[in-house]
Every structure is written in C-alpha cells, then in structure tokens.
C-alpha atoms as a PDB file:
ATOM      1  CA  UNK A   1     -23.005  13.238   1.171  1.00  0.00           C
ATOM      2  CA  UNK A   2     -20.746  10.313   0.321  1.00  0.00           C
ATOM      3  CA  UNK A   3     -22.502   7.192  -0.851  1.00  0.00           C
ATOM      4  CA  UNK A   4     -21.481   4.045   1.007  1.00  0.00           C
ATOM      5  CA  UNK A   5     -19.789   1.246  -0.919  1.00  0.00           C
ATOM      6  CA  UNK A   6     -21.264  -2.191  -0.410  1.00  0.00           C
ATOM      7  CA  UNK A   7     -18.787  -4.540   1.318  1.00  0.00           C
ATOM      8  CA  UNK A   8     -19.010  -7.056  -1.535  1.00  0.00           C
ATOM      9  CA  UNK A   9     -18.108  -4.383  -4.096  1.00  0.00           C
ATOM     10  CA  UNK A  10     -15.360  -2.970  -1.885  1.00  0.00           C
ATOM     11  CA  UNK A  11     -13.835  -6.433  -1.463  1.00  0.00           C
ATOM     12  CA  UNK A  12     -13.912  -7.065  -5.221  1.00  0.00           C
ATOM     13  CA  UNK A  13     -12.292  -3.707  -5.931  1.00  0.00           C
ATOM     14  CA  UNK A  14      -9.630  -4.345  -3.279  1.00  0.00           C
ATOM     15  CA  UNK A  15      -8.791  -7.750  -4.768  1.00  0.00           C
ATOM     16  CA  UNK A  16      -8.461  -6.108  -8.186  1.00  0.00           C
ATOM     17  CA  UNK A  17      -6.153  -3.434  -6.769  1.00  0.00           C
ATOM     18  CA  UNK A  18      -3.954  -6.108  -5.172  1.00  0.00           C
ATOM     19  CA  UNK A  19      -3.845  -8.065  -8.442  1.00  0.00           C
ATOM     20  CA  UNK A  20      -2.959  -4.892 -10.347  1.00  0.00           C
ATOM     21  CA  UNK A  21      -0.109  -4.062  -7.964  1.00  0.00           C
ATOM     22  CA  UNK A  22       1.230  -7.616  -8.211  1.00  0.00           C
ATOM     23  CA  UNK A  23       1.342  -7.281 -11.999  1.00  0.00           C
ATOM     24  CA  UNK A  24       2.917  -3.813 -11.950  1.00  0.00           C
ATOM     25  CA  UNK A  25       6.234  -4.754 -10.381  1.00  0.00           C
ATOM     26  CA  UNK A  26       7.783  -1.901 -12.367  1.00  0.00           C
ATOM     27  CA  UNK A  27       6.055   0.587 -10.060  1.00  0.00           C
ATOM     28  CA  UNK A  28       8.211   1.153  -7.005  1.00  0.00           C
ATOM     29  CA  UNK A  29       6.671   1.607  -3.554  1.00  0.00           C
ATOM     30  CA  UNK A  30       8.615   4.846  -3.115  1.00  0.00           C
ATOM     31  CA  UNK A  31       6.898   6.196  -6.251  1.00  0.00           C
ATOM     32  CA  UNK A  32       3.460   5.125  -5.019  1.00  0.00           C
ATOM     33  CA  UNK A  33       4.202   6.885  -1.741  1.00  0.00           C
ATOM     34  CA  UNK A  34       5.435   9.966  -3.574  1.00  0.00           C
ATOM     35  CA  UNK A  35       2.265  10.302  -5.621  1.00  0.00           C
ATOM     36  CA  UNK A  36      -0.513   8.784  -3.534  1.00  0.00           C
ATOM     37  CA  UNK A  37       0.856   8.673   0.006  1.00  0.00           C
ATOM     38  CA  UNK A  38       0.423   4.890   0.310  1.00  0.00           C
ATOM     39  CA  UNK A  39       2.067   1.765  -1.077  1.00  0.00           C
ATOM     40  CA  UNK A  40       1.937  -2.014  -0.956  1.00  0.00           C
ATOM     41  CA  UNK A  41       3.324  -1.987   2.575  1.00  0.00           C
ATOM     42  CA  UNK A  42       0.553   0.364   3.697  1.00  0.00           C
ATOM     43  CA  UNK A  43      -2.094  -1.943   2.234  1.00  0.00           C
ATOM     44  CA  UNK A  44      -0.551  -4.882   4.050  1.00  0.00           C
ATOM     45  CA  UNK A  45      -0.427  -2.942   7.292  1.00  0.00           C
ATOM     46  CA  UNK A  46      -4.078  -1.928   6.897  1.00  0.00           C
ATOM     47  CA  UNK A  47      -5.058  -5.560   6.291  1.00  0.00           C
ATOM     48  CA  UNK A  48      -3.127  -6.583   9.405  1.00  0.00           C
ATOM     49  CA  UNK A  49      -4.843  -3.887  11.476  1.00  0.00           C
ATOM     50  CA  UNK A  50      -8.271  -4.854  10.116  1.00  0.00           C
ATOM     51  CA  UNK A  51      -7.632  -8.494  11.000  1.00  0.00           C
ATOM     52  CA  UNK A  52      -7.474  -7.539  14.699  1.00  0.00           C
ATOM     53  CA  UNK A  53      -4.499  -9.812  15.327  1.00  0.00           C
ATOM     54  CA  UNK A  54      -5.424 -12.679  13.012  1.00  0.00           C
ATOM     55  CA  UNK A  55      -2.664 -11.696  10.561  1.00  0.00           C
ATOM     56  CA  UNK A  56       0.735 -10.376  11.493  1.00  0.00           C
ATOM     57  CA  UNK A  57       2.151  -7.452   9.571  1.00  0.00           C
ATOM     58  CA  UNK A  58       4.461  -9.809   7.647  1.00  0.00           C
ATOM     59  CA  UNK A  59       1.614 -12.219   6.828  1.00  0.00           C
ATOM     60  CA  UNK A  60      -0.594  -9.396   5.582  1.00  0.00           C
ATOM     61  CA  UNK A  61       2.199  -7.926   3.479  1.00  0.00           C
ATOM     62  CA  UNK A  62       2.822 -11.343   1.957  1.00  0.00           C
ATOM     63  CA  UNK A  63      -0.878 -11.502   1.061  1.00  0.00           C
ATOM     64  CA  UNK A  64      -0.504  -8.181  -0.773  1.00  0.00           C
ATOM     65  CA  UNK A  65       2.809  -8.965  -2.497  1.00  0.00           C
ATOM     66  CA  UNK A  66       1.905 -12.558  -3.341  1.00  0.00           C
ATOM     67  CA  UNK A  67       5.243 -13.618  -1.830  1.00  0.00           C
ATOM     68  CA  UNK A  68       7.332 -12.671   1.186  1.00  0.00           C
ATOM     69  CA  UNK A  69       8.142  -8.966   1.099  1.00  0.00           C
ATOM     70  CA  UNK A  70      11.884  -9.691   1.243  1.00  0.00           C
ATOM     71  CA  UNK A  71      11.611 -11.832  -1.899  1.00  0.00           C
ATOM     72  CA  UNK A  72       9.658  -9.112  -3.739  1.00  0.00           C
ATOM     73  CA  UNK A  73      12.253  -6.523  -2.743  1.00  0.00           C
ATOM     74  CA  UNK A  74      15.104  -8.718  -3.972  1.00  0.00           C
ATOM     75  CA  UNK A  75      13.372  -9.317  -7.319  1.00  0.00           C
ATOM     76  CA  UNK A  76      11.826  -5.931  -8.049  1.00  0.00           C
ATOM     77  CA  UNK A  77      12.934  -3.080  -5.804  1.00  0.00           C
ATOM     78  CA  UNK A  78      15.568  -0.643  -7.010  1.00  0.00           C
ATOM     79  CA  UNK A  79      17.406   1.714  -4.649  1.00  0.00           C
ATOM     80  CA  UNK A  80      15.450   4.919  -4.071  1.00  0.00           C
ATOM     81  CA  UNK A  81      16.930   8.141  -5.387  1.00  0.00           C
ATOM     82  CA  UNK A  82      17.143  11.285  -3.243  1.00  0.00           C
ATOM     83  CA  UNK A  83      14.436  12.824  -5.469  1.00  0.00           C
ATOM     84  CA  UNK A  84      12.087   9.868  -4.910  1.00  0.00           C
ATOM     85  CA  UNK A  85      12.648  10.043  -1.163  1.00  0.00           C
ATOM     86  CA  UNK A  86      11.972  13.793  -1.109  1.00  0.00           C
ATOM     87  CA  UNK A  87       8.673  13.325  -3.033  1.00  0.00           C
ATOM     88  CA  UNK A  88       7.699  10.522  -0.671  1.00  0.00           C
ATOM     89  CA  UNK A  89       8.428  12.615   2.425  1.00  0.00           C
ATOM     90  CA  UNK A  90       6.390  15.543   1.064  1.00  0.00           C
ATOM     91  CA  UNK A  91       3.490  13.254   0.121  1.00  0.00           C
ATOM     92  CA  UNK A  92       3.453  11.420   3.453  1.00  0.00           C
ATOM     93  CA  UNK A  93       3.315  14.778   5.240  1.00  0.00           C
ATOM     94  CA  UNK A  94       0.049  15.467   3.391  1.00  0.00           C
ATOM     95  CA  UNK A  95      -1.504  12.295   4.857  1.00  0.00           C
ATOM     96  CA  UNK A  96      -1.936  14.005   8.223  1.00  0.00           C
ATOM     97  CA  UNK A  97      -4.096  16.784   6.773  1.00  0.00           C
ATOM     98  CA  UNK A  98      -7.229  14.782   5.838  1.00  0.00           C
ATOM     99  CA  UNK A  99      -7.190  12.880   9.130  1.00  0.00           C
ATOM    100  CA  UNK A 100      -6.818  16.060  11.184  1.00  0.00           C
ATOM    101  CA  UNK A 101     -10.143  17.339   9.832  1.00  0.00           C
ATOM    102  CA  UNK A 102     -12.126  14.268  10.891  1.00  0.00           C
END
C-alpha cells in the first residue's frame, strides 16, 4: 500500500523541485526527458492542467522556468544531439507502460 502524501508536504516538495530546476540551468530538458521521461515543460503542462483553465500552458511554464520559456531557451538551451533525442524517444515510450496498468 502506498502512503498518501499530505498536500502541504507535496506542495513544499514541488516548490523545492521547481527551485532546484531553476538553479540547474546546466541540465537540459532533453536530458531530463531521456532519463526520467519528464522535463520542465511537462511540469508546466501539469500545472496548467491542474489549474483547470486558470493558467495557460505558457503561463504555467513561465511559473516553472521563472521567466518566459523562450527567454530560458535563448539563455540556456543547447541544440539536442541525435543521441540525446534517441534517449528521449526511448524514455518517453516507457511513460505509456505505467499508465496502461492503471
């Protein structure tokens, strides 16, 4: 049985994750996707979905990045290599497996 996480604790942990990702601009989204199957954009999209229309996708992504996504990309994002893209594609394919079993 999985223990539930109190909403207050979950919110604090989420804020810490966002802060951590803002500080770690050296970590590319394509690498996050390649290892974990999610990235800053995913977090923003999930926040937008959870807001039930209160935040647009762009607004939610800006909340995650701490600036407009286009500005973050211009400052910090390097072009993805074919190897990074291949790892990302393989990792994203794994995302369907856990959800299929629900």
